[in-house]
Amino acid sequence: MAKIIVALLMVTLATVPTQAAESRAFANDPVIPGVCAVGRNLYPEGSTWYLKDCVRAHCSRTGTSMLVTYQSCGHVGTLPNCKMVSDNTKIYPDCCPTSVCPK
């Protein structure tokens, strides 16, 4: 019975991604208030856009500052004989890798 429980726990842990990775950066534009300045691009408050490598960015306000929140895939564990599969033609979070095991 204990072996079955351990096996089920391993399968569950191997197929459930962890929380997404997230980072934040202040992005005030010195000339235009209320937008996030990222490189040469300006994004209005509340906008969401997608970057290569399976990343989502979102512009928001925090107090008097503009903030860009970046989210990317968390880590996914996998069991032996399983492989990680991702689809880079999709946008976050559908492009995140998942563990696929033979049936």
Protein backbone atom coordinates (compact mmCIF):
# COMPACT_ATOMS: atom_id res chain seq x y z
CA MET A 1 0.00 0.00 0.00
CA ALA A 2 2.82 2.41 0.88
CA LYS A 3 4.47 1.78 -2.52
CA ILE A 4 1.22 2.67 -4.30
CA ILE A 5 0.88 5.91 -2.33
CA VAL A 6 4.50 6.86 -3.07
CA ALA A 7 4.03 6.07 -6.77
CA LEU A 8 0.85 8.17 -6.96
CA LEU A 9 2.56 11.03 -5.17
CA MET A 10 5.50 10.90 -7.61
CA VAL A 11 3.17 10.96 -10.61
CA THR A 12 1.24 13.89 -9.14
CA LEU A 13 4.41 15.87 -8.42
CA ALA A 14 5.84 15.06 -11.82
CA THR A 15 2.89 16.42 -13.75
CA VAL A 16 1.98 19.53 -11.75
CA PRO A 17 3.91 22.69 -12.62
CA THR A 18 5.07 24.93 -9.83
CA GLN A 19 3.94 28.51 -9.54
CA ALA A 20 4.93 30.70 -12.47
CA ALA A 21 8.14 32.66 -12.25
CA GLU A 22 7.44 36.37 -11.83
CA SER A 23 9.52 39.53 -11.82
CA ARG A 24 8.67 43.22 -11.71
CA ALA A 25 10.34 46.37 -13.00
CA PHE A 26 9.48 50.05 -12.67
CA ALA A 27 8.82 51.56 -16.09
CA ASN A 28 7.94 55.25 -15.76
CA ASP A 29 8.15 57.38 -18.90
CA PRO A 30 9.69 60.79 -18.10
CA VAL A 31 7.51 62.59 -20.67
CA ILE A 32 4.21 60.70 -20.85
CA PRO A 33 2.58 59.83 -17.51
CA GLY A 34 0.41 56.74 -17.13
CA VAL A 35 2.28 54.49 -19.54
CA CYS A 36 4.93 51.82 -19.09
CA ALA A 37 8.11 52.55 -21.03
CA VAL A 38 9.94 49.39 -22.11
CA GLY A 39 12.81 50.12 -24.47
CA ARG A 40 11.33 52.34 -27.18
CA ASN A 41 7.82 50.98 -26.66
CA LEU A 42 5.07 52.61 -24.60
CA TYR A 43 2.25 50.50 -23.14
CA PRO A 44 -0.89 52.00 -21.57
CA GLU A 45 -1.87 51.09 -18.04
CA GLY A 46 -3.76 47.79 -18.00
CA SER A 47 -2.27 46.47 -21.23
CA THR A 48 -0.83 42.98 -21.59
CA TRP A 49 1.64 41.85 -24.24
CA TYR A 50 3.65 38.73 -24.97
CA LEU A 51 7.38 38.31 -25.48
CA LYS A 52 9.41 35.53 -27.04
CA ASP A 53 10.52 32.66 -24.81
CA CYS A 54 7.03 32.21 -23.33
CA VAL A 55 6.76 35.43 -21.29
CA ARG A 56 3.70 37.59 -20.57
CA ALA A 57 4.11 41.25 -19.56
CA HIS A 58 1.50 43.48 -17.93
CA CYS A 59 1.56 47.24 -17.27
CA SER A 60 0.01 48.50 -14.04
CA ARG A 61 0.20 51.42 -11.63
CA THR A 62 1.47 51.18 -8.08
CA GLY A 63 1.05 54.46 -6.26
CA THR A 64 2.51 57.09 -8.58
CA SER A 65 4.80 54.65 -10.42
CA MET A 66 4.20 52.45 -13.42
CA LEU A 67 5.18 48.82 -13.07
CA VAL A 68 5.69 46.01 -15.58
CA THR A 69 5.09 42.49 -14.27
CA TYR A 70 6.70 39.68 -16.26
CA GLN A 71 5.44 36.10 -15.90
CA SER A 72 7.08 33.00 -17.31
CA CYS A 73 6.82 29.25 -16.86
CA GLY A 74 7.59 27.58 -13.56
CA HIS A 75 9.57 24.37 -13.33
CA VAL A 76 7.93 21.03 -14.04
CA GLY A 77 9.32 17.79 -12.68
CA THR A 78 9.24 14.63 -14.73
CA LEU A 79 9.60 10.91 -14.10
CA PRO A 80 12.09 8.61 -15.82
CA ASN A 81 10.87 7.56 -19.30
CA CYS A 82 8.87 10.80 -19.56
CA LYS A 83 9.86 13.85 -21.56
CA MET A 84 9.25 17.57 -21.42
CA VAL A 85 7.20 18.96 -24.30
CA SER A 86 6.49 22.60 -25.11
CA ASP A 87 4.91 24.46 -28.02
CA ASN A 88 6.69 27.74 -28.74
CA THR A 89 4.08 28.66 -31.35
CA LYS A 90 1.63 29.36 -28.51
CA ILE A 91 1.62 32.26 -26.05
CA TYR A 92 2.03 32.13 -22.27
CA PRO A 93 0.89 30.03 -20.44
CA ASP A 94 0.01 27.56 -23.20
CA CYS A 95 3.65 27.50 -24.37
CA CYS A 96 4.93 26.27 -20.99
CA PRO A 97 6.53 22.81 -20.93
CA THR A 98 4.58 19.84 -19.65
CA SER A 99 5.64 16.32 -18.75
CA VAL A 100 4.46 13.65 -21.21
CA CYS A 101 4.80 9.98 -20.27
CA PRO A 102 4.32 6.90 -22.46
CA LYS A 103 1.05 5.08 -21.88
